[in-house]
Amino acid sequence: MLSSIDISHEDLLRPLYHGGACLGRDILLIYLAIILVLVISIVLFNVTGISSDPMFFRWAILYYGSAVVQAYATIIAVPFTIWVIYMQSRYGYLMIRLFINRVIYPFIILGVISIITALTMSFEETSYAYYAFLVEYSASLLLLPPIILYIRELMTMGPEKLVRIIRSLTREPGEAVATSLHILRLVLMEEYPEEKVINNILKMIREDLRNIEKIKLNPDTYHKFRDFLRAVVVEGTYLPDPRVLRDVMRSMLRWVVLNKKFSVARAFIRYYTRITLRYMDEILPSFCVYNLYLEPVINNLKSIKARKSLLGYALEQLSNMMRKVRVRGEHGDISSYEICNIARLVEENVADLKDLKEHEKLHRILNEIKGEFLCMPIQE
């Protein structure tokens, strides 16, 4: 799934720092403070006369260099250990493979500071010891802010930012969608999922599916989408934005049908029918039936001229939905006006499918509903 992802530390820094703006106002203020500290230190060395005594910096170079290398190693090792454990426990080993083998930026800084320390030690017994110490001192301060900022951004990286990074670094849209769906499902499974994060990830998936006909068939992608639909149904998780989910469903269903994955398409329709019923508890039932089922499923299949067996299966699922709508109407959960409106919408959108045997069954259920709830015929 991640075979086409190639990450350099420059690529990773770009999304982490919001378009490469790593030297923002905060980091600029930090660097100004560091420069001020360096200037004050140099002034003190010169005023006290220490700068004229190279032997004074002999032990300073040795002990300071050792302390700096150990400190940098600790700053890198401890947070990364915590980060690896967290990422693996939440997202699985794939996320570790995606980042841990490519994130070399902190280790490059550690290597640079180690080389500078080794070089300055060679000047500890020379007349240049003072200048060598200034180089080591300055490097240790100037390299500290970017590595701390980088680690902080990495440690606070949420699922939405993670998806943005993956999308920016993945050449194949299908692989990006598969990974995004995997992360989205994990977010949905949380005890208190964040509504904004879920909808934003789903919007990014919708954007990646804009040119669905050009996306190479990827089994991992449609299996992940099936698992996502199952999670919404079985786990009773948070319901995403209905319009965004409708668009994603339309694209995914179109994709698998055009690639002749009809069994996968049936699984999509089966789970999605139950999701539509769940939405009826939250929003207007007639909106659910038309915008969440008739448009992305029935009309979508008709537009791509799907095989009759698949259209028949979609009508069969629609019949099951109408039975449950009828039961909810009998229990008073849906008003008679809404039920009649639903029956009218269904009848209008399946009128051109009369040659299918499943249409007769659906037509009979609609007539029973209209009779039971006293639906008046539409006046032309």
Protein backbone atom coordinates (compact mmCIF):
# COMPACT_ATOMS: atom_id res chain seq x y z
CA MET A 1 0.00 0.00 0.00
CA LEU A 2 2.85 2.38 0.79
CA SER A 3 5.20 1.24 -1.94
CA SER A 4 4.83 4.43 -3.98
CA ILE A 5 5.51 6.77 -1.08
CA ASP A 6 8.89 8.45 -1.05
CA ILE A 7 9.59 10.85 1.78
CA SER A 8 12.53 13.14 2.36
CA HIS A 9 12.94 15.28 5.43
CA GLU A 10 12.23 18.40 3.33
CA ASP A 11 8.93 16.88 2.14
CA LEU A 12 7.93 15.99 5.66
CA LEU A 13 8.78 19.38 7.06
CA ARG A 14 6.63 21.13 4.46
CA PRO A 15 3.23 19.86 5.68
CA LEU A 16 4.31 19.82 9.31
CA TYR A 17 5.10 23.50 9.22
CA HIS A 18 2.04 24.47 7.17
CA GLY A 19 3.53 24.99 3.73
CA GLY A 20 7.17 25.28 4.76
CA ALA A 21 6.76 28.34 6.99
CA CYS A 22 9.01 26.92 9.71
CA LEU A 23 10.59 30.31 10.41
CA GLY A 24 7.43 31.95 11.60
CA ARG A 25 7.13 34.69 14.13
CA ASP A 26 7.70 32.45 17.16
CA ILE A 27 10.82 30.79 15.82
CA LEU A 28 12.15 34.16 14.68
CA LEU A 29 11.78 35.54 18.20
CA ILE A 30 13.60 32.50 19.58
CA TYR A 31 16.50 33.05 17.19
CA LEU A 32 16.67 36.73 18.11
CA ALA A 33 16.88 35.72 21.77
CA ILE A 34 19.66 33.22 20.97
CA ILE A 35 21.63 35.85 19.04
CA LEU A 36 21.23 38.21 21.99
CA VAL A 37 22.58 35.54 24.35
CA LEU A 38 25.56 34.94 22.05
CA VAL A 39 26.34 38.65 21.84
CA ILE A 40 26.13 39.05 25.63
CA SER A 41 28.39 36.00 26.13
CA ILE A 42 31.03 37.34 23.72
CA VAL A 43 30.96 40.73 25.43
CA LEU A 44 31.40 39.11 28.85
CA PHE A 45 34.30 36.97 27.61
CA ASN A 46 36.06 40.05 26.28
CA VAL A 47 35.31 42.32 29.26
CA THR A 48 36.55 39.78 31.79
CA GLY A 49 39.64 39.01 29.71
CA ILE A 50 38.84 35.30 29.47
CA SER A 51 38.98 35.45 25.68
CA SER A 52 42.73 36.17 25.84
CA ASP A 53 43.46 32.99 27.82
CA PRO A 54 43.11 29.98 25.43
CA MET A 55 43.88 27.50 28.22
CA PHE A 56 40.68 28.55 29.98
CA PHE A 57 38.62 26.94 27.20
CA ARG A 58 40.47 23.65 27.17
CA TRP A 59 38.22 21.90 29.68
CA ALA A 60 35.24 23.99 28.62
CA ILE A 61 35.45 22.54 25.10
CA LEU A 62 35.83 19.00 26.39
CA TYR A 63 33.02 18.97 28.95
CA TYR A 64 30.64 21.25 27.09
CA GLY A 65 30.98 19.21 23.89
CA SER A 66 30.29 15.95 25.70
CA ALA A 67 27.26 17.44 27.46
CA VAL A 68 25.85 18.85 24.22
CA VAL A 69 26.10 15.54 22.32
CA GLN A 70 24.47 13.63 25.19
CA ALA A 71 21.74 16.24 25.52
CA TYR A 72 20.93 16.16 21.80
CA ALA A 73 20.90 12.37 21.79
CA THR A 74 18.46 12.36 24.71
CA ILE A 75 16.22 14.99 23.12
CA ILE A 76 15.96 12.86 20.00
CA ALA A 77 15.81 9.37 21.51
CA VAL A 78 13.20 9.84 24.24
CA PRO A 79 10.50 11.63 22.22
CA PHE A 80 10.98 9.33 19.24
CA THR A 81 10.63 6.25 21.44
CA ILE A 82 7.36 7.59 22.84
CA TRP A 83 6.22 8.59 19.33
CA VAL A 84 6.93 5.14 17.88
CA ILE A 85 5.01 3.38 20.66
CA TYR A 86 2.06 5.75 20.29
CA MET A 87 1.91 5.56 16.49
CA GLN A 88 2.18 1.79 16.44
CA SER A 89 -0.51 1.33 19.08
CA ARG A 90 -2.94 3.70 17.35
CA TYR A 91 -2.30 3.36 13.60
CA GLY A 92 -0.39 0.11 13.26
CA TYR A 93 3.05 -0.77 11.98
CA LEU A 94 2.37 0.73 8.52
CA MET A 95 2.58 4.25 9.88
CA ILE A 96 5.87 3.40 11.55
CA ARG A 97 7.25 2.06 8.30
CA LEU A 98 6.04 5.19 6.56
CA PHE A 99 7.82 7.64 8.86
CA ILE A 100 10.50 6.03 10.98
CA ASN A 101 12.71 4.96 8.06
CA ARG A 102 12.45 8.34 6.34
CA VAL A 103 12.50 10.93 9.13
CA ILE A 104 16.22 11.62 9.23
CA TYR A 105 16.09 15.33 9.96
CA PRO A 106 16.78 15.12 13.74
CA PHE A 107 19.55 12.59 13.19
CA ILE A 108 21.19 14.84 10.61
CA ILE A 109 21.32 17.60 13.24
CA LEU A 110 22.74 15.15 15.78
CA GLY A 111 25.41 14.17 13.26
CA VAL A 112 26.26 17.81 12.53
CA ILE A 113 26.59 18.72 16.21
CA SER A 114 28.75 15.62 16.82
CA ILE A 115 31.09 16.56 13.95
CA ILE A 116 31.36 20.15 15.19
CA THR A 117 32.15 18.90 18.70
CA ALA A 118 34.83 16.53 17.40
CA LEU A 119 36.43 19.27 15.31
CA THR A 120 36.48 21.79 18.16
CA MET A 121 38.17 19.27 20.44
CA SER A 122 41.13 19.23 18.07
CA PHE A 123 41.66 22.93 18.84
CA GLU A 124 41.45 22.66 22.63
CA GLU A 125 45.20 23.01 23.19
CA THR A 126 45.84 25.64 20.52
CA SER A 127 45.61 29.42 20.46
CA TYR A 128 42.29 29.06 18.62
CA ALA A 129 40.53 27.39 21.55
CA TYR A 130 38.45 30.48 22.26
CA TYR A 131 37.12 30.65 18.70
CA ALA A 132 36.55 26.91 18.59
CA PHE A 133 34.48 27.13 21.75
CA LEU A 134 32.42 29.99 20.27
CA VAL A 135 31.67 27.88 17.20
CA GLU A 136 30.60 24.93 19.34
CA TYR A 137 28.59 27.15 21.68
CA SER A 138 26.84 28.94 18.82
CA ALA A 139 26.05 25.71 16.92
CA SER A 140 24.55 24.06 19.99
CA LEU A 141 22.18 26.99 20.52
CA LEU A 142 21.27 27.67 16.89
CA LEU A 143 20.49 24.01 16.06
CA LEU A 144 18.32 23.47 19.12
CA PRO A 145 15.12 25.39 18.11
CA PRO A 146 14.47 23.60 14.78
CA ILE A 147 14.89 20.16 16.28
CA ILE A 148 12.63 20.96 19.24
CA LEU A 149 10.02 22.49 16.94
CA TYR A 150 10.22 19.50 14.61
CA ILE A 151 9.80 16.98 17.42
CA ARG A 152 6.96 19.00 18.94
CA GLU A 153 5.09 19.05 15.62
CA LEU A 154 5.71 15.34 15.16
CA MET A 155 4.54 14.46 18.67
CA THR A 156 1.36 16.55 18.35
CA MET A 157 0.50 15.30 14.87
CA GLY A 158 -3.20 14.40 14.79
CA PRO A 159 -5.01 12.15 12.30
CA GLU A 160 -6.05 15.03 10.04
CA LYS A 161 -2.48 16.29 9.69
CA LEU A 162 -1.29 12.73 9.18
CA VAL A 163 -3.70 12.29 6.27
CA ARG A 164 -2.54 15.58 4.73
CA ILE A 165 1.08 14.42 4.88
CA ILE A 166 0.25 11.08 3.29
CA ARG A 167 -1.76 12.74 0.51
CA SER A 168 1.07 15.15 -0.28
CA LEU A 169 3.64 12.36 -0.50
CA THR A 170 1.70 9.60 -2.26
CA ARG A 171 1.90 9.32 -6.02
CA GLU A 172 -1.07 6.95 -6.39
CA PRO A 173 -4.46 8.47 -5.34
CA GLY A 174 -5.83 4.98 -4.67
CA GLU A 175 -3.14 4.28 -2.08
CA ALA A 176 -3.69 7.67 -0.45
CA VAL A 177 -7.43 6.94 -0.21
CA ALA A 178 -6.78 3.49 1.27
CA THR A 179 -4.50 4.88 3.98
CA SER A 180 -6.88 7.78 4.67
CA LEU A 181 -9.80 5.36 5.05
CA HIS A 182 -7.75 3.25 7.45
CA ILE A 183 -7.03 6.30 9.63
CA LEU A 184 -10.64 7.50 9.33
CA ARG A 185 -11.96 4.17 10.56
CA LEU A 186 -9.64 4.29 13.58
CA VAL A 187 -10.85 7.80 14.39
CA LEU A 188 -14.46 6.67 14.11
CA MET A 189 -13.80 3.82 16.53
CA GLU A 190 -12.66 6.18 19.28
CA GLU A 191 -14.91 6.67 22.26
CA TYR A 192 -15.43 10.36 21.57
CA PRO A 193 -14.52 10.96 17.92
CA GLU A 194 -13.95 14.52 16.76
CA GLU A 195 -16.66 15.57 14.33
CA LYS A 196 -14.53 18.15 12.54
CA VAL A 197 -11.61 15.76 12.05
CA ILE A 198 -13.84 13.03 10.63
CA ASN A 199 -15.53 15.33 8.13
CA ASN A 200 -12.25 16.95 7.08
CA ILE A 201 -10.64 13.56 6.39
CA LEU A 202 -13.71 12.48 4.44
CA LYS A 203 -13.55 15.70 2.40
CA MET A 204 -9.93 14.97 1.53
CA ILE A 205 -10.93 11.48 0.41
CA ARG A 206 -13.68 13.00 -1.73
CA GLU A 207 -11.13 15.30 -3.33
CA ASP A 208 -8.82 12.37 -4.12
CA LEU A 209 -11.72 10.57 -5.81
CA ARG A 210 -12.60 13.40 -8.20
CA ASN A 211 -11.21 11.59 -11.26
CA ILE A 212 -12.26 8.14 -10.16
CA GLU A 213 -12.23 6.65 -13.66
CA LYS A 214 -8.47 7.35 -13.95
CA ILE A 215 -7.52 5.77 -10.62
CA LYS A 216 -5.84 2.40 -10.92
CA LEU A 217 -7.78 -0.46 -9.35
CA ASN A 218 -6.44 -1.13 -5.87
CA PRO A 219 -8.07 -3.94 -3.82
CA ASP A 220 -6.80 -2.45 -0.59
CA THR A 221 -8.74 0.75 -1.33
CA TYR A 222 -12.17 -0.81 -1.83
CA HIS A 223 -11.63 -3.26 1.05
CA LYS A 224 -10.82 -0.32 3.33
CA PHE A 225 -13.97 1.49 2.18
CA ARG A 226 -16.05 -1.62 2.85
CA ASP A 227 -14.54 -1.85 6.34
CA PHE A 228 -15.31 1.83 6.87
CA LEU A 229 -18.98 1.32 5.94
CA ARG A 230 -19.16 -1.74 8.18
CA ALA A 231 -17.70 0.25 11.08
CA VAL A 232 -20.38 2.92 10.69
CA VAL A 233 -23.09 0.24 10.67
CA VAL A 234 -21.88 -2.34 13.18
CA GLU A 235 -20.07 -0.17 15.71
CA GLY A 236 -22.77 2.51 15.80
CA THR A 237 -20.15 5.22 15.46
CA TYR A 238 -20.54 8.89 14.69
CA LEU A 239 -22.30 9.65 11.39
CA PRO A 240 -20.21 11.83 9.05
CA ASP A 241 -21.55 14.73 7.01
CA PRO A 242 -24.25 13.10 4.83
CA ARG A 243 -23.44 15.09 1.69
CA VAL A 244 -19.74 14.28 1.84
CA LEU A 245 -20.43 10.60 2.52
CA ARG A 246 -22.89 10.56 -0.40
CA ASP A 247 -20.25 11.91 -2.77
CA VAL A 248 -17.65 9.40 -1.59
CA MET A 249 -20.13 6.54 -1.92
CA ARG A 250 -21.08 7.63 -5.43
CA SER A 251 -17.44 7.69 -6.55
CA MET A 252 -16.46 4.41 -4.89
CA LEU A 253 -19.51 2.56 -6.22
CA ARG A 254 -18.87 3.90 -9.70
CA TRP A 255 -15.22 2.85 -9.46
CA VAL A 256 -15.82 -0.77 -8.50
CA VAL A 257 -18.66 -1.22 -11.01
CA LEU A 258 -16.60 0.16 -13.89
CA ASN A 259 -13.85 -2.27 -12.87
CA LYS A 260 -16.40 -5.13 -12.75
CA LYS A 261 -16.07 -5.81 -9.01
CA PHE A 262 -19.76 -6.58 -8.62
CA SER A 263 -19.52 -8.56 -5.38
CA VAL A 264 -17.74 -5.60 -3.79
CA ALA A 265 -20.42 -3.27 -5.16
CA ARG A 266 -23.14 -5.43 -3.54
CA ALA A 267 -21.32 -5.21 -0.20
CA PHE A 268 -21.16 -1.42 -0.54
CA ILE A 269 -24.88 -1.21 -1.28
CA ARG A 270 -25.81 -3.58 1.55
CA TYR A 271 -23.93 -1.64 4.23
CA TYR A 272 -24.86 1.72 2.77
CA THR A 273 -28.57 0.87 2.93
CA ARG A 274 -28.27 0.34 6.66
CA ILE A 275 -26.31 3.57 7.01
CA THR A 276 -29.11 5.44 5.23
CA LEU A 277 -31.57 4.07 7.77
CA ARG A 278 -29.33 5.30 10.57
CA TYR A 279 -29.36 8.80 9.14
CA MET A 280 -33.17 8.84 9.34
CA ASP A 281 -32.86 9.24 13.11
CA GLU A 282 -30.82 12.40 12.60
CA ILE A 283 -32.16 14.23 9.53
CA LEU A 284 -35.26 14.41 7.33
CA PRO A 285 -36.14 10.87 6.14
CA SER A 286 -37.10 11.96 2.61
CA PHE A 287 -33.74 13.71 2.29
CA CYS A 288 -32.02 10.48 3.36
CA VAL A 289 -33.85 8.29 0.86
CA TYR A 290 -33.32 10.60 -2.10
CA ASN A 291 -29.91 12.19 -1.45
CA LEU A 292 -28.25 9.30 0.37
CA TYR A 293 -29.64 6.34 -1.58
CA LEU A 294 -31.53 7.11 -4.77
CA GLU A 295 -28.92 9.55 -6.08
CA PRO A 296 -25.60 7.84 -5.21
CA VAL A 297 -26.89 4.29 -5.72
CA ILE A 298 -29.91 3.89 -8.05
CA ASN A 299 -29.36 6.89 -10.33
CA ASN A 300 -25.59 6.38 -10.23
CA LEU A 301 -25.91 2.78 -11.40
CA LYS A 302 -28.29 3.83 -14.14
CA SER A 303 -25.92 6.53 -15.38
CA ILE A 304 -23.06 4.06 -15.88
CA LYS A 305 -25.43 1.42 -17.30
CA ALA A 306 -24.64 -1.18 -14.69
CA ARG A 307 -25.72 -4.77 -15.28
CA LYS A 308 -29.34 -5.63 -14.47
CA SER A 309 -28.43 -8.02 -11.69
CA LEU A 310 -26.70 -5.22 -9.77
CA LEU A 311 -29.59 -2.82 -10.33
CA GLY A 312 -31.95 -5.55 -9.19
CA TYR A 313 -29.91 -6.01 -6.01
CA ALA A 314 -30.07 -2.26 -5.37
CA LEU A 315 -33.87 -2.38 -5.79
CA GLU A 316 -34.03 -5.35 -3.42
CA GLN A 317 -32.16 -3.36 -0.78
CA LEU A 318 -34.47 -0.43 -1.45
CA SER A 319 -37.46 -2.70 -0.84
CA ASN A 320 -35.98 -3.73 2.51
CA MET A 321 -35.47 -0.08 3.35
CA MET A 322 -39.09 0.74 2.51
CA ARG A 323 -40.31 -2.07 4.78
CA LYS A 324 -38.37 -0.57 7.67
CA VAL A 325 -39.63 2.91 6.79
CA ARG A 326 -43.14 1.48 6.93
CA VAL A 327 -42.52 -0.02 10.39
CA ARG A 328 -41.14 3.28 11.65
CA GLY A 329 -44.22 5.05 10.32
CA GLU A 330 -46.47 2.59 12.14
CA HIS A 331 -44.56 3.31 15.36
CA GLY A 332 -44.90 7.04 14.85
CA ASP A 333 -41.18 7.66 14.25
CA ILE A 334 -41.85 9.04 10.76
CA SER A 335 -44.85 11.19 9.87
CA SER A 336 -47.39 10.09 7.28
CA TYR A 337 -46.52 13.11 5.15
CA GLU A 338 -42.85 12.10 5.08
CA ILE A 339 -43.66 8.49 4.25
CA CYS A 340 -45.88 9.57 1.35
CA ASN A 341 -43.13 11.88 0.15
CA ILE A 342 -40.62 9.03 0.30
CA ALA A 343 -42.94 6.73 -1.63
CA ARG A 344 -43.38 9.38 -4.33
CA LEU A 345 -39.61 9.96 -4.65
CA VAL A 346 -38.90 6.25 -4.91
CA GLU A 347 -41.62 5.70 -7.47
CA GLU A 348 -40.37 8.55 -9.66
CA ASN A 349 -36.74 7.41 -9.61
CA VAL A 350 -37.35 3.73 -10.35
CA ALA A 351 -40.06 4.21 -12.98
CA ASP A 352 -37.64 3.37 -15.81
CA LEU A 353 -36.66 0.04 -14.20
CA LYS A 354 -39.99 -1.73 -14.74
CA ASP A 355 -38.33 -4.46 -16.78
CA LEU A 356 -36.59 -5.78 -13.67
CA LYS A 357 -38.39 -8.42 -11.64
CA GLU A 358 -37.35 -6.70 -8.40
CA HIS A 359 -39.31 -3.64 -9.50
CA GLU A 360 -42.60 -5.52 -9.20
CA LYS A 361 -41.84 -6.39 -5.59
CA LEU A 362 -40.88 -2.80 -4.79
CA HIS A 363 -43.99 -1.49 -6.59
CA ARG A 364 -46.22 -3.75 -4.49
CA ILE A 365 -44.62 -2.50 -1.24
CA LEU A 366 -45.05 1.12 -2.35
CA ASN A 367 -48.75 0.54 -3.11
CA GLU A 368 -49.26 -1.02 0.31
CA ILE A 369 -47.53 1.95 1.97
CA LYS A 370 -49.58 4.48 0.03
CA GLY A 371 -52.79 2.66 0.93
CA GLU A 372 -51.91 2.29 4.62
CA PHE A 373 -50.86 5.91 5.09
CA LEU A 374 -53.58 7.35 2.83
CA CYS A 375 -51.17 8.97 0.37
CA MET A 376 -52.99 11.16 -2.10
CA PRO A 377 -52.02 11.01 -5.76
CA ILE A 378 -49.83 13.84 -7.02
CA GLN A 379 -51.86 16.57 -8.76
CA GLU A 380 -50.37 17.50 -12.15
